[in-house]
């Protein structure tokens, strides 16, 4: 064997060894993917991007309406390892801006200032459409009012009153709890008023009548309250017929 052939042969061995070594380094990261520590059937939230940092896990039955102080506004990435859609919100009780995460997918929040270290609640739901509402929290035979449209945000549950003279569910609405949406899960209609005394009127120049004395939500109905009524309710009562509204 000539010197030239020996050099060529050794060069081929070196090249082959380098190729094998490089291929090994290229394969390793693919087998050690980010988020691979998220258990099946869990939503995993992380305090750093790429599934790094501290991890919190939640199963579909967990109530994610708010986090404790050590975790609130901490999430920078997420892995949805469940069969459900994951909805994450920047405010507690499914309020504020939201992001949706498809089953099996991951998501990053560190590069968007609207979501970076602002996540304060989440829920797991059968379809993406459920991320945009929160009415399902309302118990049966209750009037539930919400501070945001579509049943999102802080919820107040009103228990039926037994007072035969007023039939009211409440007259203690404040500016911070005035409803933007309502679900009436009772068997009676509910009349809302702009004054705490179960009275008052609203003026709507665009409407033929011009003024309204009550905003009515029929039994079983849920609704986002439109202008000029939204965020103005201060009292309400239950009635058997809408003509009973004050």
C-alpha atoms as a PDB file:
ATOM      1  CA  UNK A   1       0.000   0.000   0.000  1.00  0.00           C
ATOM      2  CA  UNK A   2       1.415   3.355  -0.973  1.00  0.00           C
ATOM      3  CA  UNK A   3       1.747   6.305   1.409  1.00  0.00           C
ATOM      4  CA  UNK A   4      -0.890   8.168  -0.587  1.00  0.00           C
ATOM      5  CA  UNK A   5      -3.363   5.300  -0.212  1.00  0.00           C
ATOM      6  CA  UNK A   6      -2.669   5.029   3.536  1.00  0.00           C
ATOM      7  CA  UNK A   7      -3.321   8.748   3.993  1.00  0.00           C
ATOM      8  CA  UNK A   8      -6.540   8.486   1.930  1.00  0.00           C
ATOM      9  CA  UNK A   9      -7.697   5.466   3.914  1.00  0.00           C
ATOM     10  CA  UNK A  10      -6.953   7.106   7.280  1.00  0.00           C
ATOM     11  CA  UNK A  11      -8.623  10.323   6.097  1.00  0.00           C
ATOM     12  CA  UNK A  12     -11.742   8.363   5.216  1.00  0.00           C
ATOM     13  CA  UNK A  13     -11.795   6.791   8.686  1.00  0.00           C
ATOM     14  CA  UNK A  14     -11.418  10.173  10.356  1.00  0.00           C
ATOM     15  CA  UNK A  15     -14.169  11.681   8.188  1.00  0.00           C
ATOM     16  CA  UNK A  16     -16.471   8.756   8.959  1.00  0.00           C
ATOM     17  CA  UNK A  17     -15.784   9.056  12.676  1.00  0.00           C
ATOM     18  CA  UNK A  18     -16.440  12.790  12.629  1.00  0.00           C
ATOM     19  CA  UNK A  19     -19.669  12.261  10.702  1.00  0.00           C
ATOM     20  CA  UNK A  20     -20.806   9.672  13.244  1.00  0.00           C
ATOM     21  CA  UNK A  21     -19.885  11.954  16.152  1.00  0.00           C
ATOM     22  CA  UNK A  22     -21.690  14.926  14.625  1.00  0.00           C
ATOM     23  CA  UNK A  23     -24.787  12.862  13.930  1.00  0.00           C
ATOM     24  CA  UNK A  24     -24.839  11.746  17.555  1.00  0.00           C
ATOM     25  CA  UNK A  25     -24.716  15.350  18.759  1.00  0.00           C
ATOM     26  CA  UNK A  26     -27.495  16.296  16.341  1.00  0.00           C
ATOM     27  CA  UNK A  27     -29.800  13.509  17.530  1.00  0.00           C
ATOM     28  CA  UNK A  28     -29.400  14.064  21.286  1.00  0.00           C
ATOM     29  CA  UNK A  29     -31.273  17.371  21.577  1.00  0.00           C
ATOM     30  CA  UNK A  30     -34.233  15.936  19.649  1.00  0.00           C
ATOM     31  CA  UNK A  31     -34.611  13.182  22.251  1.00  0.00           C
ATOM     32  CA  UNK A  32     -34.399  15.664  25.131  1.00  0.00           C
ATOM     33  CA  UNK A  33     -37.155  18.027  24.076  1.00  0.00           C
ATOM     34  CA  UNK A  34     -38.414  20.882  26.192  1.00  0.00           C
ATOM     35  CA  UNK A  35     -41.536  20.163  28.266  1.00  0.00           C
ATOM     36  CA  UNK A  36     -40.787  16.402  28.274  1.00  0.00           C
ATOM     37  CA  UNK A  37     -41.199  16.352  32.063  1.00  0.00           C
ATOM     38  CA  UNK A  38     -44.917  17.196  31.801  1.00  0.00           C
ATOM     39  CA  UNK A  39     -46.941  14.107  32.831  1.00  0.00           C
ATOM     40  CA  UNK A  40     -49.709  12.746  30.626  1.00  0.00           C
ATOM     41  CA  UNK A  41     -53.139  14.161  31.428  1.00  0.00           C
ATOM     42  CA  UNK A  42     -51.719  17.323  33.027  1.00  0.00           C
ATOM     43  CA  UNK A  43     -51.468  21.009  32.213  1.00  0.00           C
ATOM     44  CA  UNK A  44     -47.951  22.124  33.127  1.00  0.00           C
ATOM     45  CA  UNK A  45     -47.058  25.756  33.754  1.00  0.00           C
ATOM     46  CA  UNK A  46     -43.424  26.852  33.999  1.00  0.00           C
ATOM     47  CA  UNK A  47     -41.734  29.895  35.477  1.00  0.00           C
ATOM     48  CA  UNK A  48     -39.238  30.132  32.568  1.00  0.00           C
ATOM     49  CA  UNK A  49     -39.396  29.828  28.787  1.00  0.00           C
ATOM     50  CA  UNK A  50     -39.091  26.477  27.050  1.00  0.00           C
ATOM     51  CA  UNK A  51     -40.464  24.434  29.915  1.00  0.00           C
ATOM     52  CA  UNK A  52     -37.672  25.462  32.277  1.00  0.00           C
ATOM     53  CA  UNK A  53     -37.707  26.851  35.805  1.00  0.00           C
ATOM     54  CA  UNK A  54     -40.247  25.865  38.444  1.00  0.00           C
ATOM     55  CA  UNK A  55     -43.145  23.686  37.263  1.00  0.00           C
ATOM     56  CA  UNK A  56     -46.747  23.510  38.468  1.00  0.00           C
ATOM     57  CA  UNK A  57     -49.072  20.734  37.248  1.00  0.00           C
ATOM     58  CA  UNK A  58     -52.871  20.759  37.105  1.00  0.00           C
ATOM     59  CA  UNK A  59     -55.340  18.051  36.113  1.00  0.00           C
ATOM     60  CA  UNK A  60     -58.652  18.788  34.343  1.00  0.00           C
ATOM     61  CA  UNK A  61     -60.575  18.789  37.655  1.00  0.00           C
ATOM     62  CA  UNK A  62     -58.379  21.441  39.279  1.00  0.00           C
ATOM     63  CA  UNK A  63     -60.016  24.805  39.925  1.00  0.00           C
ATOM     64  CA  UNK A  64     -57.708  27.255  38.195  1.00  0.00           C
ATOM     65  CA  UNK A  65     -59.674  30.439  38.895  1.00  0.00           C
ATOM     66  CA  UNK A  66     -56.789  31.912  40.883  1.00  0.00           C
ATOM     67  CA  UNK A  67     -53.275  31.014  42.054  1.00  0.00           C
ATOM     68  CA  UNK A  68     -51.589  31.508  45.394  1.00  0.00           C
ATOM     69  CA  UNK A  69     -49.298  34.496  45.823  1.00  0.00           C
ATOM     70  CA  UNK A  70     -46.158  32.458  45.130  1.00  0.00           C
ATOM     71  CA  UNK A  71     -47.364  31.497  41.640  1.00  0.00           C
ATOM     72  CA  UNK A  72     -49.553  34.394  40.491  1.00  0.00           C
ATOM     73  CA  UNK A  73     -48.061  36.309  37.529  1.00  0.00           C
ATOM     74  CA  UNK A  74     -45.221  33.771  37.259  1.00  0.00           C
ATOM     75  CA  UNK A  75     -45.965  31.629  34.180  1.00  0.00           C
ATOM     76  CA  UNK A  76     -43.707  32.115  31.134  1.00  0.00           C
ATOM     77  CA  UNK A  77     -44.438  28.880  29.254  1.00  0.00           C
ATOM     78  CA  UNK A  78     -46.968  26.054  29.244  1.00  0.00           C
ATOM     79  CA  UNK A  79     -47.471  22.503  28.032  1.00  0.00           C
ATOM     80  CA  UNK A  80     -50.983  21.152  27.585  1.00  0.00           C
ATOM     81  CA  UNK A  81     -50.555  17.384  27.908  1.00  0.00           C
ATOM     82  CA  UNK A  82     -54.304  16.740  28.222  1.00  0.00           C
ATOM     83  CA  UNK A  83     -57.098  15.860  25.802  1.00  0.00           C
ATOM     84  CA  UNK A  84     -58.736  19.245  26.507  1.00  0.00           C
ATOM     85  CA  UNK A  85     -58.139  22.764  25.273  1.00  0.00           C
ATOM     86  CA  UNK A  86     -56.260  24.901  27.789  1.00  0.00           C
ATOM     87  CA  UNK A  87     -57.306  28.522  28.314  1.00  0.00           C
ATOM     88  CA  UNK A  88     -54.931  30.828  30.194  1.00  0.00           C
ATOM     89  CA  UNK A  89     -55.938  34.310  31.381  1.00  0.00           C
ATOM     90  CA  UNK A  90     -54.035  37.358  32.578  1.00  0.00           C
ATOM     91  CA  UNK A  91     -56.597  38.066  35.325  1.00  0.00           C
ATOM     92  CA  UNK A  92     -58.104  35.868  38.011  1.00  0.00           C
ATOM     93  CA  UNK A  93     -61.461  34.157  37.476  1.00  0.00           C
ATOM     94  CA  UNK A  94     -61.005  33.766  33.709  1.00  0.00           C
ATOM     95  CA  UNK A  95     -60.737  37.510  33.195  1.00  0.00           C
ATOM     96  CA  UNK A  96     -58.756  39.794  30.921  1.00  0.00           C
ATOM     97  CA  UNK A  97     -56.792  38.787  27.836  1.00  0.00           C
ATOM     98  CA  UNK A  98     -56.530  35.093  27.078  1.00  0.00           C
ATOM     99  CA  UNK A  99     -54.510  32.557  25.125  1.00  0.00           C
ATOM    100  CA  UNK A 100     -55.646  29.098  24.027  1.00  0.00           C
ATOM    101  CA  UNK A 101     -53.447  25.995  23.849  1.00  0.00           C
ATOM    102  CA  UNK A 102     -54.459  23.051  21.673  1.00  0.00           C
ATOM    103  CA  UNK A 103     -54.353  19.553  23.260  1.00  0.00           C
ATOM    104  CA  UNK A 104     -50.789  18.246  23.131  1.00  0.00           C
ATOM    105  CA  UNK A 105     -49.252  21.641  22.295  1.00  0.00           C
ATOM    106  CA  UNK A 106     -46.983  23.982  24.209  1.00  0.00           C
ATOM    107  CA  UNK A 107     -47.011  27.781  24.351  1.00  0.00           C
ATOM    108  CA  UNK A 108     -44.602  30.621  25.192  1.00  0.00           C
ATOM    109  CA  UNK A 109     -45.444  33.909  26.934  1.00  0.00           C
ATOM    110  CA  UNK A 110     -42.087  35.506  27.642  1.00  0.00           C
ATOM    111  CA  UNK A 111     -41.829  37.505  24.397  1.00  0.00           C
ATOM    112  CA  UNK A 112     -45.238  39.200  24.622  1.00  0.00           C
ATOM    113  CA  UNK A 113     -45.462  41.889  27.346  1.00  0.00           C
ATOM    114  CA  UNK A 114     -49.227  41.418  27.548  1.00  0.00           C
ATOM    115  CA  UNK A 115     -48.764  37.838  28.790  1.00  0.00           C
ATOM    116  CA  UNK A 116     -45.226  37.669  30.167  1.00  0.00           C
ATOM    117  CA  UNK A 117     -45.479  37.069  33.925  1.00  0.00           C
ATOM    118  CA  UNK A 118     -49.161  38.090  33.954  1.00  0.00           C
ATOM    119  CA  UNK A 119     -51.007  34.727  33.892  1.00  0.00           C
ATOM    120  CA  UNK A 120     -53.407  34.521  36.857  1.00  0.00           C
ATOM    121  CA  UNK A 121     -55.937  31.784  36.010  1.00  0.00           C
ATOM    122  CA  UNK A 122     -56.674  28.931  33.637  1.00  0.00           C
ATOM    123  CA  UNK A 123     -59.221  26.261  32.796  1.00  0.00           C
ATOM    124  CA  UNK A 124     -59.343  23.072  30.697  1.00  0.00           C
ATOM    125  CA  UNK A 125     -62.366  22.755  28.407  1.00  0.00           C
ATOM    126  CA  UNK A 126     -63.749  20.439  25.674  1.00  0.00           C
ATOM    127  CA  UNK A 127     -63.469  23.006  22.870  1.00  0.00           C
ATOM    128  CA  UNK A 128     -61.714  26.298  22.152  1.00  0.00           C
ATOM    129  CA  UNK A 129     -65.056  28.143  22.141  1.00  0.00           C
ATOM    130  CA  UNK A 130     -65.420  27.467  25.877  1.00  0.00           C
ATOM    131  CA  UNK A 131     -62.367  29.637  26.557  1.00  0.00           C
ATOM    132  CA  UNK A 132     -64.330  32.765  25.717  1.00  0.00           C
ATOM    133  CA  UNK A 133     -67.103  32.268  28.289  1.00  0.00           C
ATOM    134  CA  UNK A 134     -67.352  31.526  32.007  1.00  0.00           C
ATOM    135  CA  UNK A 135     -71.081  31.006  32.532  1.00  0.00           C
ATOM    136  CA  UNK A 136     -70.565  27.356  33.498  1.00  0.00           C
ATOM    137  CA  UNK A 137     -69.516  28.456  37.013  1.00  0.00           C
ATOM    138  CA  UNK A 138     -73.073  29.510  37.930  1.00  0.00           C
ATOM    139  CA  UNK A 139     -74.892  27.005  40.198  1.00  0.00           C
ATOM    140  CA  UNK A 140     -78.483  25.941  39.555  1.00  0.00           C
ATOM    141  CA  UNK A 141     -81.309  28.091  40.983  1.00  0.00           C
ATOM    142  CA  UNK A 142     -79.083  31.161  41.310  1.00  0.00           C
ATOM    143  CA  UNK A 143     -78.692  34.504  39.600  1.00  0.00           C
ATOM    144  CA  UNK A 144     -75.024  34.962  38.740  1.00  0.00           C
ATOM    145  CA  UNK A 145     -73.541  38.276  37.707  1.00  0.00           C
ATOM    146  CA  UNK A 146     -70.098  38.744  36.165  1.00  0.00           C
ATOM    147  CA  UNK A 147     -67.816  41.763  35.894  1.00  0.00           C
ATOM    148  CA  UNK A 148     -66.806  40.961  32.299  1.00  0.00           C
ATOM    149  CA  UNK A 149     -68.800  40.027  29.175  1.00  0.00           C
ATOM    150  CA  UNK A 150     -69.765  36.425  28.423  1.00  0.00           C
ATOM    151  CA  UNK A 151     -69.676  35.259  32.033  1.00  0.00           C
ATOM    152  CA  UNK A 152     -65.998  36.021  32.573  1.00  0.00           C
ATOM    153  CA  UNK A 153     -64.288  37.841  35.420  1.00  0.00           C
ATOM    154  CA  UNK A 154     -65.323  37.972  39.066  1.00  0.00           C
ATOM    155  CA  UNK A 155     -68.648  36.237  39.695  1.00  0.00           C
ATOM    156  CA  UNK A 156     -71.229  37.080  42.350  1.00  0.00           C
ATOM    157  CA  UNK A 157     -73.753  34.351  43.190  1.00  0.00           C
ATOM    158  CA  UNK A 158     -77.099  35.656  44.433  1.00  0.00           C
ATOM    159  CA  UNK A 159     -79.121  33.288  46.618  1.00  0.00           C
ATOM    160  CA  UNK A 160     -82.928  33.591  46.349  1.00  0.00           C
ATOM    161  CA  UNK A 161     -84.537  35.677  49.057  1.00  0.00           C
ATOM    162  CA  UNK A 162     -87.594  34.526  50.990  1.00  0.00           C
ATOM    163  CA  UNK A 163     -88.774  38.056  51.712  1.00  0.00           C
ATOM    164  CA  UNK A 164     -92.329  38.171  50.263  1.00  0.00           C
ATOM    165  CA  UNK A 165     -92.464  41.969  50.133  1.00  0.00           C
ATOM    166  CA  UNK A 166     -89.356  42.728  48.084  1.00  0.00           C
ATOM    167  CA  UNK A 167     -88.570  39.391  46.375  1.00  0.00           C
ATOM    168  CA  UNK A 168     -85.086  40.761  45.853  1.00  0.00           C
ATOM    169  CA  UNK A 169     -81.806  39.013  45.288  1.00  0.00           C
ATOM    170  CA  UNK A 170     -79.699  41.948  46.289  1.00  0.00           C
ATOM    171  CA  UNK A 171     -79.165  45.698  46.326  1.00  0.00           C
ATOM    172  CA  UNK A 172     -75.521  45.937  47.330  1.00  0.00           C
ATOM    173  CA  UNK A 173     -73.837  46.240  43.948  1.00  0.00           C
ATOM    174  CA  UNK A 174     -70.796  48.465  43.957  1.00  0.00           C
ATOM    175  CA  UNK A 175     -68.862  49.976  41.099  1.00  0.00           C
ATOM    176  CA  UNK A 176     -66.422  47.065  41.213  1.00  0.00           C
ATOM    177  CA  UNK A 177     -69.094  44.351  41.050  1.00  0.00           C
ATOM    178  CA  UNK A 178     -71.631  45.931  38.690  1.00  0.00           C
ATOM    179  CA  UNK A 179     -72.427  43.270  36.073  1.00  0.00           C
ATOM    180  CA  UNK A 180     -71.296  43.205  32.468  1.00  0.00           C
ATOM    181  CA  UNK A 181     -73.062  39.849  31.976  1.00  0.00           C
ATOM    182  CA  UNK A 182     -75.707  37.734  33.726  1.00  0.00           C
ATOM    183  CA  UNK A 183     -77.010  34.175  33.889  1.00  0.00           C
ATOM    184  CA  UNK A 184     -80.442  33.724  35.429  1.00  0.00           C
ATOM    185  CA  UNK A 185     -80.603  30.059  36.425  1.00  0.00           C
ATOM    186  CA  UNK A 186     -83.806  30.416  38.445  1.00  0.00           C
ATOM    187  CA  UNK A 187     -87.390  29.604  37.507  1.00  0.00           C
ATOM    188  CA  UNK A 188     -88.424  33.259  37.632  1.00  0.00           C
ATOM    189  CA  UNK A 189     -87.515  36.352  35.649  1.00  0.00           C
ATOM    190  CA  UNK A 190     -85.092  38.870  37.116  1.00  0.00           C
ATOM    191  CA  UNK A 191     -85.497  42.661  36.874  1.00  0.00           C
ATOM    192  CA  UNK A 192     -82.402  44.866  37.262  1.00  0.00           C
ATOM    193  CA  UNK A 193     -82.525  48.536  38.314  1.00  0.00           C
ATOM    194  CA  UNK A 194     -80.066  51.446  38.295  1.00  0.00           C
ATOM    195  CA  UNK A 195     -80.892  52.458  41.890  1.00  0.00           C
ATOM    196  CA  UNK A 196     -80.465  50.481  45.112  1.00  0.00           C
ATOM    197  CA  UNK A 197     -84.140  51.039  45.910  1.00  0.00           C
ATOM    198  CA  UNK A 198     -85.372  48.749  43.075  1.00  0.00           C
ATOM    199  CA  UNK A 199     -86.290  51.809  41.015  1.00  0.00           C
ATOM    200  CA  UNK A 200     -84.779  54.193  38.490  1.00  0.00           C
ATOM    201  CA  UNK A 201     -84.686  54.594  34.726  1.00  0.00           C
ATOM    202  CA  UNK A 202     -82.181  54.464  31.905  1.00  0.00           C
ATOM    203  CA  UNK A 203     -82.177  56.869  28.993  1.00  0.00           C
ATOM    204  CA  UNK A 204     -81.350  55.566  25.527  1.00  0.00           C
ATOM    205  CA  UNK A 205     -81.700  58.252  22.833  1.00  0.00           C
ATOM    206  CA  UNK A 206     -81.381  55.633  20.107  1.00  0.00           C
ATOM    207  CA  UNK A 207     -84.402  53.681  21.342  1.00  0.00           C
ATOM    208  CA  UNK A 208     -88.014  54.514  20.329  1.00  0.00           C
ATOM    209  CA  UNK A 209     -89.182  54.483  23.948  1.00  0.00           C
ATOM    210  CA  UNK A 210     -86.314  56.692  25.092  1.00  0.00           C
ATOM    211  CA  UNK A 211     -86.398  55.435  28.693  1.00  0.00           C
ATOM    212  CA  UNK A 212     -86.384  52.075  30.436  1.00  0.00           C
ATOM    213  CA  UNK A 213     -87.439  51.312  33.999  1.00  0.00           C
ATOM    214  CA  UNK A 214     -85.914  47.830  34.261  1.00  0.00           C
ATOM    215  CA  UNK A 215     -83.567  45.527  32.415  1.00  0.00           C
ATOM    216  CA  UNK A 216     -85.066  42.024  32.306  1.00  0.00           C
ATOM    217  CA  UNK A 217     -83.250  38.709  32.012  1.00  0.00           C
ATOM    218  CA  UNK A 218     -85.742  35.906  31.446  1.00  0.00           C
ATOM    219  CA  UNK A 219     -85.533  32.667  33.406  1.00  0.00           C
ATOM    220  CA  UNK A 220     -82.852  30.371  32.028  1.00  0.00           C
ATOM    221  CA  UNK A 221     -81.233  33.091  29.916  1.00  0.00           C
ATOM    222  CA  UNK A 222     -77.613  34.222  29.922  1.00  0.00           C
ATOM    223  CA  UNK A 223     -76.573  37.490  28.316  1.00  0.00           C
ATOM    224  CA  UNK A 224     -73.867  40.093  27.921  1.00  0.00           C
ATOM    225  CA  UNK A 225     -75.452  43.349  29.058  1.00  0.00           C
ATOM    226  CA  UNK A 226     -75.390  46.030  26.320  1.00  0.00           C
ATOM    227  CA  UNK A 227     -75.107  49.840  26.670  1.00  0.00           C
ATOM    228  CA  UNK A 228     -76.541  51.873  28.336  1.00  0.00           C
ATOM    229  CA  UNK A 229     -77.246  49.164  30.950  1.00  0.00           C
ATOM    230  CA  UNK A 230     -73.831  47.509  31.290  1.00  0.00           C
ATOM    231  CA  UNK A 231     -72.047  48.152  34.593  1.00  0.00           C
ATOM    232  CA  UNK A 232     -74.958  50.230  35.943  1.00  0.00           C
ATOM    233  CA  UNK A 233     -77.046  47.669  37.881  1.00  0.00           C
ATOM    234  CA  UNK A 234     -77.462  48.465  41.582  1.00  0.00           C
ATOM    235  CA  UNK A 235     -80.355  46.164  42.562  1.00  0.00           C
ATOM    236  CA  UNK A 236     -82.581  43.392  41.250  1.00  0.00           C
ATOM    237  CA  UNK A 237     -85.604  41.321  42.151  1.00  0.00           C
ATOM    238  CA  UNK A 238     -87.280  38.125  40.993  1.00  0.00           C
ATOM    239  CA  UNK A 239     -90.754  38.226  39.443  1.00  0.00           C
ATOM    240  CA  UNK A 240     -93.212  35.736  37.997  1.00  0.00           C
ATOM    241  CA  UNK A 241     -94.073  37.989  35.068  1.00  0.00           C
ATOM    242  CA  UNK A 242     -92.183  40.895  33.487  1.00  0.00           C
ATOM    243  CA  UNK A 243     -95.125  43.219  34.166  1.00  0.00           C
ATOM    244  CA  UNK A 244     -94.221  42.946  37.876  1.00  0.00           C
ATOM    245  CA  UNK A 245     -90.973  44.884  37.386  1.00  0.00           C
ATOM    246  CA  UNK A 246     -91.107  48.195  39.255  1.00  0.00           C
END
